[in-house]
N, C-alpha and C. Protein backbone atom coordinates (compact mmCIF):
# COMPACT_ATOMS: atom_id res chain seq x y z
N MET A 1 -4.58 21.29 -8.99
CA MET A 1 -4.89 19.99 -8.45
C MET A 1 -5.15 20.09 -6.92
N ALA A 2 -5.16 21.29 -6.40
CA ALA A 2 -5.40 21.45 -4.91
C ALA A 2 -6.90 21.06 -4.65
N GLY A 3 -7.77 21.17 -5.59
CA GLY A 3 -9.19 20.93 -5.43
C GLY A 3 -9.53 19.47 -5.46
N ILE A 4 -8.70 18.50 -5.89
CA ILE A 4 -8.93 17.08 -5.98
C ILE A 4 -8.69 16.43 -4.65
N THR A 5 -9.67 15.65 -4.14
CA THR A 5 -9.38 15.08 -2.89
C THR A 5 -10.00 13.63 -2.92
N ASP A 6 -9.46 12.78 -2.04
CA ASP A 6 -9.92 11.42 -1.96
C ASP A 6 -10.72 11.17 -0.64
N SER A 7 -10.87 12.30 0.10
CA SER A 7 -11.45 12.17 1.43
C SER A 7 -12.88 11.90 1.37
N VAL A 8 -13.50 11.37 2.46
CA VAL A 8 -14.84 11.10 2.51
C VAL A 8 -15.73 12.33 2.59
N GLU A 9 -15.15 13.35 3.25
CA GLU A 9 -15.86 14.60 3.46
C GLU A 9 -15.17 15.60 2.54
N ALA A 10 -16.04 16.53 2.09
CA ALA A 10 -15.48 17.58 1.16
C ALA A 10 -14.73 18.60 2.05
N PRO A 11 -13.59 19.13 1.50
CA PRO A 11 -12.87 20.03 2.37
C PRO A 11 -13.63 21.37 2.42
N GLU A 12 -13.39 22.08 3.55
CA GLU A 12 -13.96 23.34 3.79
C GLU A 12 -13.34 24.37 2.85
N PRO A 13 -14.19 25.29 2.38
CA PRO A 13 -13.63 26.34 1.53
C PRO A 13 -12.73 27.27 2.22
N ARG A 14 -11.70 27.76 1.70
CA ARG A 14 -10.72 28.64 2.33
C ARG A 14 -10.97 30.04 1.77
N GLY A 15 -10.74 31.00 2.59
CA GLY A 15 -10.85 32.35 2.10
C GLY A 15 -11.57 33.30 3.09
N GLU A 16 -11.55 34.59 2.69
CA GLU A 16 -12.07 35.56 3.58
C GLU A 16 -13.62 35.68 3.38
N GLY A 17 -14.11 35.11 2.44
CA GLY A 17 -15.62 35.29 2.06
C GLY A 17 -16.55 34.50 2.91
N GLY A 18 -16.11 33.75 3.89
CA GLY A 18 -16.91 32.92 4.77
C GLY A 18 -17.81 33.71 5.74
N THR A 19 -18.52 32.98 6.60
CA THR A 19 -19.28 33.73 7.61
C THR A 19 -18.49 33.99 8.91
N GLY A 20 -17.28 33.64 8.94
CA GLY A 20 -16.48 33.91 10.14
C GLY A 20 -16.44 32.86 11.08
N ARG A 21 -17.25 31.81 10.88
CA ARG A 21 -17.13 30.65 11.82
C ARG A 21 -16.13 29.67 11.29
N ARG A 22 -15.60 28.92 12.22
CA ARG A 22 -14.65 27.86 11.81
C ARG A 22 -15.42 26.64 11.40
N GLY A 23 -14.89 25.93 10.32
CA GLY A 23 -15.59 24.79 9.80
C GLY A 23 -15.41 23.55 10.80
N ARG A 24 -16.08 22.44 10.43
CA ARG A 24 -16.07 21.28 11.37
C ARG A 24 -14.66 20.72 11.41
N ARG A 25 -13.94 20.75 10.24
CA ARG A 25 -12.51 20.22 10.28
C ARG A 25 -11.61 20.94 11.14
N ALA A 26 -11.90 22.27 11.28
CA ALA A 26 -11.01 23.08 12.15
C ALA A 26 -11.13 22.82 13.51
N LYS A 27 -12.27 22.23 14.02
CA LYS A 27 -12.50 22.06 15.47
C LYS A 27 -12.00 20.70 15.92
N ARG A 28 -11.64 19.79 15.05
CA ARG A 28 -11.25 18.49 15.38
C ARG A 28 -9.88 18.49 16.15
N GLY A 29 -9.92 17.66 17.11
CA GLY A 29 -8.61 17.46 17.90
C GLY A 29 -7.97 16.18 17.36
N PRO A 30 -6.96 15.76 18.07
CA PRO A 30 -6.25 14.56 17.54
C PRO A 30 -7.14 13.25 17.55
N LEU A 31 -8.06 13.13 18.48
CA LEU A 31 -8.94 12.05 18.46
C LEU A 31 -9.91 12.07 17.32
N GLY A 32 -10.39 13.26 17.03
CA GLY A 32 -11.36 13.54 16.01
C GLY A 32 -10.67 13.11 14.59
N LYS A 33 -9.44 13.58 14.51
CA LYS A 33 -8.65 13.24 13.25
C LYS A 33 -8.45 11.73 13.11
N LEU A 34 -8.14 11.13 14.19
CA LEU A 34 -7.89 9.65 14.21
C LEU A 34 -9.24 8.93 13.77
N ALA A 35 -10.36 9.40 14.38
CA ALA A 35 -11.64 8.79 14.01
C ALA A 35 -12.02 9.03 12.49
N LEU A 36 -11.63 10.18 11.95
CA LEU A 36 -11.87 10.48 10.54
C LEU A 36 -10.95 9.55 9.71
N PHE A 37 -9.73 9.37 10.10
CA PHE A 37 -8.87 8.48 9.40
C PHE A 37 -9.41 7.13 9.38
N TYR A 38 -9.89 6.65 10.54
CA TYR A 38 -10.48 5.27 10.63
C TYR A 38 -11.70 5.10 9.67
N ARG A 39 -12.61 6.10 9.71
CA ARG A 39 -13.67 6.00 8.83
C ARG A 39 -13.28 6.05 7.42
N GLN A 40 -12.30 6.70 6.92
CA GLN A 40 -11.79 6.75 5.60
C GLN A 40 -11.19 5.37 5.24
N VAL A 41 -10.46 4.83 6.13
CA VAL A 41 -9.92 3.47 5.87
C VAL A 41 -10.93 2.46 5.65
N VAL A 42 -11.95 2.46 6.51
CA VAL A 42 -13.07 1.45 6.34
C VAL A 42 -13.86 1.78 5.03
N ALA A 43 -14.04 2.99 4.72
CA ALA A 43 -14.70 3.34 3.44
C ALA A 43 -13.92 2.83 2.21
N GLU A 44 -12.61 2.92 2.22
CA GLU A 44 -11.78 2.41 1.13
C GLU A 44 -11.74 0.96 1.06
N LEU A 45 -11.71 0.29 2.30
CA LEU A 45 -11.78 -1.23 2.33
C LEU A 45 -13.07 -1.77 1.74
N ARG A 46 -14.17 -1.00 1.95
CA ARG A 46 -15.41 -1.52 1.38
C ARG A 46 -15.40 -1.51 -0.10
N LYS A 47 -14.57 -0.64 -0.70
CA LYS A 47 -14.48 -0.56 -2.16
C LYS A 47 -13.58 -1.68 -2.82
N VAL A 48 -12.84 -2.41 -1.98
CA VAL A 48 -11.87 -3.42 -2.47
C VAL A 48 -12.71 -4.60 -2.99
N VAL A 49 -12.21 -5.21 -4.13
CA VAL A 49 -12.76 -6.42 -4.65
C VAL A 49 -11.86 -7.57 -4.16
N TRP A 50 -12.35 -8.27 -3.16
CA TRP A 50 -11.53 -9.33 -2.57
C TRP A 50 -11.55 -10.56 -3.43
N PRO A 51 -10.49 -11.29 -3.61
CA PRO A 51 -10.40 -12.53 -4.32
C PRO A 51 -11.15 -13.66 -3.66
N SER A 52 -11.60 -14.59 -4.54
CA SER A 52 -12.21 -15.75 -3.90
C SER A 52 -11.11 -16.68 -3.35
N ARG A 53 -11.57 -17.71 -2.71
CA ARG A 53 -10.61 -18.71 -2.11
C ARG A 53 -9.83 -19.36 -3.18
N ARG A 54 -10.39 -19.67 -4.41
CA ARG A 54 -9.76 -20.27 -5.50
C ARG A 54 -8.68 -19.35 -6.03
N GLN A 55 -9.10 -18.15 -6.30
CA GLN A 55 -8.07 -17.13 -6.92
C GLN A 55 -6.93 -16.98 -5.86
N LEU A 56 -7.22 -16.89 -4.58
CA LEU A 56 -6.15 -16.71 -3.58
C LEU A 56 -5.25 -17.86 -3.51
N THR A 57 -5.75 -19.11 -3.66
CA THR A 57 -4.91 -20.27 -3.80
C THR A 57 -4.04 -20.31 -5.00
N THR A 58 -4.70 -19.88 -6.14
CA THR A 58 -3.87 -19.88 -7.35
C THR A 58 -2.73 -18.83 -7.31
N TYR A 59 -3.07 -17.62 -6.89
CA TYR A 59 -2.06 -16.58 -6.74
C TYR A 59 -0.91 -16.96 -5.71
N ALA A 60 -1.28 -17.56 -4.63
CA ALA A 60 -0.33 -17.92 -3.66
C ALA A 60 0.59 -19.12 -4.20
N THR A 61 0.04 -19.97 -4.93
CA THR A 61 0.82 -21.05 -5.53
C THR A 61 1.80 -20.43 -6.61
N ALA A 62 1.31 -19.58 -7.37
CA ALA A 62 2.16 -18.99 -8.42
C ALA A 62 3.30 -18.23 -7.75
N VAL A 63 3.07 -17.49 -6.70
CA VAL A 63 4.18 -16.81 -5.98
C VAL A 63 5.16 -17.76 -5.44
N ILE A 64 4.64 -18.85 -4.74
CA ILE A 64 5.64 -19.76 -4.18
C ILE A 64 6.45 -20.47 -5.19
N VAL A 65 5.81 -20.83 -6.36
CA VAL A 65 6.66 -21.45 -7.46
C VAL A 65 7.60 -20.58 -7.98
N PHE A 66 7.29 -19.27 -8.20
CA PHE A 66 8.20 -18.28 -8.72
C PHE A 66 9.31 -18.05 -7.77
N VAL A 67 9.08 -18.01 -6.47
CA VAL A 67 10.18 -17.76 -5.48
C VAL A 67 11.11 -18.99 -5.51
N VAL A 68 10.56 -20.24 -5.56
CA VAL A 68 11.39 -21.37 -5.64
C VAL A 68 12.31 -21.36 -6.90
N VAL A 69 11.71 -21.07 -7.97
CA VAL A 69 12.56 -21.02 -9.27
C VAL A 69 13.59 -19.89 -9.15
N VAL A 70 13.36 -18.80 -8.62
CA VAL A 70 14.39 -17.75 -8.43
C VAL A 70 15.46 -18.16 -7.44
N ILE A 71 15.08 -18.91 -6.39
CA ILE A 71 16.03 -19.48 -5.47
C ILE A 71 16.96 -20.43 -6.07
N CYS A 72 16.37 -21.27 -7.04
CA CYS A 72 17.19 -22.27 -7.70
C CYS A 72 18.23 -21.52 -8.62
N ILE A 73 17.72 -20.60 -9.33
CA ILE A 73 18.57 -19.86 -10.28
C ILE A 73 19.77 -19.13 -9.50
N LEU A 74 19.37 -18.57 -8.46
CA LEU A 74 20.51 -17.79 -7.69
C LEU A 74 21.36 -18.73 -6.98
N THR A 75 20.99 -19.91 -6.63
CA THR A 75 21.83 -20.96 -6.04
C THR A 75 22.83 -21.47 -7.04
N VAL A 76 22.34 -21.68 -8.29
CA VAL A 76 23.21 -22.19 -9.36
C VAL A 76 24.27 -21.03 -9.76
N LEU A 77 23.73 -19.77 -9.77
CA LEU A 77 24.70 -18.63 -10.13
C LEU A 77 25.74 -18.50 -9.08
N ASP A 78 25.34 -18.57 -7.78
CA ASP A 78 26.31 -18.46 -6.62
C ASP A 78 27.26 -19.57 -6.72
N TRP A 79 26.84 -20.76 -6.95
CA TRP A 79 27.74 -21.91 -6.95
C TRP A 79 28.73 -21.78 -8.18
N GLY A 80 28.28 -21.25 -9.39
CA GLY A 80 29.13 -21.09 -10.47
C GLY A 80 30.11 -19.94 -10.31
N PHE A 81 29.71 -18.80 -9.69
CA PHE A 81 30.71 -17.75 -9.41
C PHE A 81 31.64 -18.18 -8.32
N SER A 82 31.31 -18.96 -7.32
CA SER A 82 32.22 -19.43 -6.35
C SER A 82 33.20 -20.35 -6.96
N ARG A 83 32.83 -21.19 -7.82
CA ARG A 83 33.74 -22.12 -8.58
C ARG A 83 34.76 -21.32 -9.40
N ALA A 84 34.30 -20.21 -10.08
CA ALA A 84 35.05 -19.43 -10.90
C ALA A 84 36.05 -18.67 -10.13
N VAL A 85 35.73 -18.06 -8.98
CA VAL A 85 36.62 -17.29 -8.10
C VAL A 85 37.68 -18.33 -7.55
N GLU A 86 37.25 -19.48 -7.27
CA GLU A 86 38.09 -20.51 -6.60
C GLU A 86 39.21 -20.94 -7.75
N TYR A 87 38.75 -21.06 -8.99
CA TYR A 87 39.58 -21.43 -10.10
C TYR A 87 40.63 -20.22 -10.36
N VAL A 88 40.10 -19.07 -10.40
CA VAL A 88 40.98 -17.86 -10.73
C VAL A 88 42.00 -17.65 -9.62
N PHE A 89 41.51 -17.55 -8.43
CA PHE A 89 42.42 -17.20 -7.32
C PHE A 89 43.04 -18.33 -6.55
N GLY A 90 42.70 -19.55 -6.92
CA GLY A 90 43.33 -20.75 -6.49
C GLY A 90 42.87 -21.11 -5.10
C-alpha cells in the first residue's frame, strides 16, 4: 500500500538506481511544502459536489428539527430522573 497516493504529484522513486540527483520534492523547503499543500487542498475542493440552495435549506431544516426533538427528549428524561431521585431520597 506504500505505492498508493492521493497527492497531486507522483512521488519520486526511492532507491539506489537513480541518476544521483535529488528529486523536486527533496528540494522543497517549508514554504514549498505549504504551497504544495495549498494546491492539493484547492484541487480536492474542485472535486466536491456542492449542494444547491434548496438542498442546503432542506438539510439545515432537518438538522435543526432533529436537534430540537433530541433536546425535548433529554429535557423530559432529565425532569423524570430528577423527580425519581427526589422521590427516592426525599
